[in-house]
C-alpha cells in the first residue's frame, strides 16, 4: 500500500532535487523515492521485518547537500 508523506525543505534543496530530476528525466517525487529506498536498503531495513506498531516511528534526516 502506498501512502503520502509531506515535509518542508529549503528552496536551495528543492532546486538541487529539480536538477537531479531533470537529469534523470523524472519527477522530484520519483527521485525522492529512490533516495529513500536506497537509504533504507543501505541501513538494512527489510520489508520482511515485523511491522512497526502504529506508535513507533523513526525520524530520518537526509542532508541534501550530499546528493
N, C-alpha and C. Protein backbone atom coordinates (compact mmCIF):
# COMPACT_ATOMS: atom_id res chain seq x y z
N UNK A 1 0.84 -1.16 0.00
CA UNK A 1 0.00 0.00 0.00
C UNK A 1 0.90 1.24 0.00
N UNK A 2 0.53 2.21 -0.80
CA UNK A 2 1.27 3.46 -0.85
C UNK A 2 0.63 4.48 0.07
N UNK A 3 1.46 5.38 0.57
CA UNK A 3 0.98 6.45 1.44
C UNK A 3 1.68 7.74 1.06
N UNK A 4 1.20 8.83 1.57
CA UNK A 4 1.76 10.15 1.27
C UNK A 4 2.48 10.70 2.48
N UNK A 5 3.65 11.30 2.23
CA UNK A 5 4.41 11.97 3.29
C UNK A 5 4.64 13.40 2.83
N UNK A 6 4.35 14.35 3.69
CA UNK A 6 4.58 15.77 3.40
C UNK A 6 5.68 16.29 4.31
N UNK A 7 6.57 17.10 3.75
CA UNK A 7 7.61 17.72 4.56
C UNK A 7 8.09 18.98 3.86
N UNK A 8 8.82 19.79 4.59
CA UNK A 8 9.33 21.05 4.04
C UNK A 8 10.84 20.97 3.88
N UNK A 9 11.31 21.58 2.79
CA UNK A 9 12.74 21.69 2.53
C UNK A 9 13.03 23.12 2.09
N UNK A 10 14.30 23.47 2.10
CA UNK A 10 14.66 24.82 1.67
C UNK A 10 14.52 24.93 0.15
N UNK A 11 14.45 26.16 -0.30
CA UNK A 11 14.36 26.41 -1.75
C UNK A 11 15.62 25.88 -2.45
N UNK A 12 16.77 26.04 -1.80
CA UNK A 12 18.02 25.53 -2.35
C UNK A 12 17.98 24.01 -2.52
N UNK A 13 17.46 23.31 -1.53
CA UNK A 13 17.36 21.85 -1.62
C UNK A 13 16.40 21.44 -2.73
N UNK A 14 15.30 22.18 -2.85
CA UNK A 14 14.34 21.88 -3.91
C UNK A 14 14.99 22.06 -5.28
N UNK A 15 15.77 23.12 -5.44
CA UNK A 15 16.44 23.36 -6.71
C UNK A 15 17.42 22.23 -7.04
N UNK A 16 18.13 21.73 -6.03
CA UNK A 16 19.05 20.61 -6.25
C UNK A 16 18.29 19.36 -6.67
N UNK A 17 17.16 19.13 -6.01
CA UNK A 17 16.33 17.98 -6.38
C UNK A 17 15.79 18.13 -7.80
N UNK A 18 15.42 19.34 -8.16
CA UNK A 18 14.90 19.59 -9.50
C UNK A 18 15.96 19.28 -10.55
N UNK A 19 17.21 19.69 -10.29
CA UNK A 19 18.30 19.40 -11.21
C UNK A 19 18.49 17.89 -11.34
N UNK A 20 18.50 17.18 -10.21
CA UNK A 20 18.63 15.72 -10.26
C UNK A 20 17.48 15.10 -11.06
N UNK A 21 16.28 15.58 -10.82
CA UNK A 21 15.11 15.03 -11.51
C UNK A 21 15.21 15.29 -13.01
N UNK A 22 15.60 16.49 -13.39
CA UNK A 22 15.72 16.81 -14.81
C UNK A 22 16.80 15.97 -15.48
N UNK A 23 17.91 15.72 -14.78
CA UNK A 23 18.98 14.89 -15.33
C UNK A 23 18.49 13.48 -15.60
N UNK A 24 17.59 12.99 -14.77
CA UNK A 24 17.06 11.63 -14.91
C UNK A 24 15.76 11.60 -15.70
N UNK A 25 15.28 12.77 -16.12
CA UNK A 25 14.00 12.88 -16.81
C UNK A 25 12.88 12.26 -15.98
N UNK A 26 12.89 12.62 -14.69
CA UNK A 26 11.91 12.10 -13.72
C UNK A 26 11.29 13.26 -12.95
N UNK A 27 10.27 12.94 -12.17
CA UNK A 27 9.68 13.91 -11.25
C UNK A 27 10.51 13.92 -9.96
N UNK A 28 10.42 15.02 -9.22
CA UNK A 28 11.11 15.12 -7.94
C UNK A 28 10.65 13.99 -7.02
N UNK A 29 9.37 13.68 -7.01
CA UNK A 29 8.86 12.63 -6.12
C UNK A 29 9.50 11.28 -6.42
N UNK A 30 9.76 11.01 -7.69
CA UNK A 30 10.41 9.74 -8.07
C UNK A 30 11.84 9.71 -7.56
N UNK A 31 12.55 10.83 -7.69
CA UNK A 31 13.92 10.92 -7.20
C UNK A 31 13.95 10.74 -5.69
N UNK A 32 13.03 11.38 -4.98
CA UNK A 32 12.97 11.24 -3.52
C UNK A 32 12.69 9.80 -3.11
N UNK A 33 11.78 9.14 -3.82
CA UNK A 33 11.51 7.72 -3.50
C UNK A 33 12.77 6.88 -3.65
N UNK A 34 13.52 7.13 -4.73
CA UNK A 34 14.77 6.39 -4.95
C UNK A 34 15.77 6.66 -3.82
N UNK A 35 15.89 7.92 -3.42
CA UNK A 35 16.81 8.28 -2.33
C UNK A 35 16.41 7.56 -1.05
N UNK A 36 15.12 7.57 -0.73
CA UNK A 36 14.64 6.92 0.49
C UNK A 36 14.83 5.42 0.41
N UNK A 37 14.50 4.82 -0.74
CA UNK A 37 14.68 3.37 -0.90
C UNK A 37 16.14 2.99 -0.73
N UNK A 38 17.04 3.76 -1.33
CA UNK A 38 18.48 3.47 -1.20
C UNK A 38 18.94 3.62 0.24
N UNK A 39 18.45 4.66 0.93
CA UNK A 39 18.81 4.86 2.33
C UNK A 39 18.36 3.66 3.16
N UNK A 40 17.14 3.23 2.96
CA UNK A 40 16.62 2.11 3.74
C UNK A 40 17.37 0.82 3.43
N UNK A 41 17.70 0.61 2.17
CA UNK A 41 18.49 -0.58 1.80
C UNK A 41 19.87 -0.53 2.44
N UNK A 42 20.50 0.65 2.41
CA UNK A 42 21.83 0.80 2.99
C UNK A 42 21.83 0.57 4.50
N UNK A 43 20.71 0.81 5.12
CA UNK A 43 20.60 0.64 6.57
C UNK A 43 19.86 -0.64 6.93
N UNK A 44 19.74 -1.53 5.96
CA UNK A 44 19.24 -2.89 6.17
C UNK A 44 17.81 -2.94 6.72
N UNK A 45 16.95 -2.05 6.28
CA UNK A 45 15.54 -2.13 6.63
C UNK A 45 14.88 -3.00 5.56
N UNK A 46 14.36 -4.11 5.96
CA UNK A 46 13.75 -5.05 5.02
C UNK A 46 12.25 -5.09 5.22
N UNK A 47 11.54 -5.31 4.14
CA UNK A 47 10.09 -5.43 4.24
C UNK A 47 9.70 -6.64 5.07
N UNK A 48 10.59 -7.61 5.17
CA UNK A 48 10.27 -8.82 5.92
C UNK A 48 10.31 -8.62 7.43
N UNK A 49 10.87 -7.48 7.86
CA UNK A 49 10.89 -7.22 9.30
C UNK A 49 9.47 -7.02 9.80
N UNK A 50 9.24 -7.30 11.06
CA UNK A 50 7.89 -7.10 11.60
C UNK A 50 7.45 -5.65 11.41
N UNK A 51 6.18 -5.47 11.18
CA UNK A 51 5.62 -4.12 11.03
C UNK A 51 5.75 -3.38 12.35
N UNK A 52 6.07 -2.09 12.25
CA UNK A 52 6.15 -1.27 13.46
C UNK A 52 4.76 -1.06 14.01
N UNK A 53 4.70 -0.96 15.30
CA UNK A 53 3.45 -0.58 15.94
C UNK A 53 3.10 0.81 15.45
N UNK A 54 1.83 1.12 15.35
CA UNK A 54 1.42 2.41 14.80
C UNK A 54 1.97 3.59 15.61
N UNK A 55 2.46 3.34 16.82
CA UNK A 55 3.01 4.41 17.64
C UNK A 55 4.53 4.49 17.56
N UNK A 56 5.15 3.52 16.91
CA UNK A 56 6.60 3.53 16.75
C UNK A 56 6.95 4.31 15.49
N UNK A 57 8.01 5.08 15.53
CA UNK A 57 8.46 5.80 14.36
C UNK A 57 9.92 6.14 14.52
N UNK A 58 10.55 6.50 13.42
CA UNK A 58 11.93 6.93 13.42
C UNK A 58 12.02 8.18 12.56
N UNK A 59 12.71 9.17 13.04
CA UNK A 59 12.93 10.38 12.28
C UNK A 59 14.22 10.21 11.50
N UNK A 60 14.16 10.45 10.20
CA UNK A 60 15.33 10.32 9.34
C UNK A 60 15.62 11.68 8.74
N UNK A 61 16.83 12.17 8.94
CA UNK A 61 17.25 13.43 8.37
C UNK A 61 18.20 13.15 7.21
N UNK A 62 17.88 13.66 6.06
CA UNK A 62 18.74 13.50 4.89
C UNK A 62 19.35 14.85 4.57
N UNK A 63 20.65 14.90 4.48
CA UNK A 63 21.33 16.13 4.13
C UNK A 63 21.40 16.22 2.61
N UNK A 64 20.60 17.08 2.02
CA UNK A 64 20.51 17.17 0.57
C UNK A 64 21.81 17.67 -0.05
N UNK A 65 22.71 18.23 0.74
CA UNK A 65 23.99 18.66 0.21
C UNK A 65 24.86 17.47 -0.16
N UNK A 66 24.50 16.27 0.31
CA UNK A 66 25.25 15.06 -0.01
C UNK A 66 24.86 14.48 -1.37
N UNK A 67 23.83 15.02 -1.97
CA UNK A 67 23.34 14.47 -3.24
C UNK A 67 23.66 15.37 -4.39
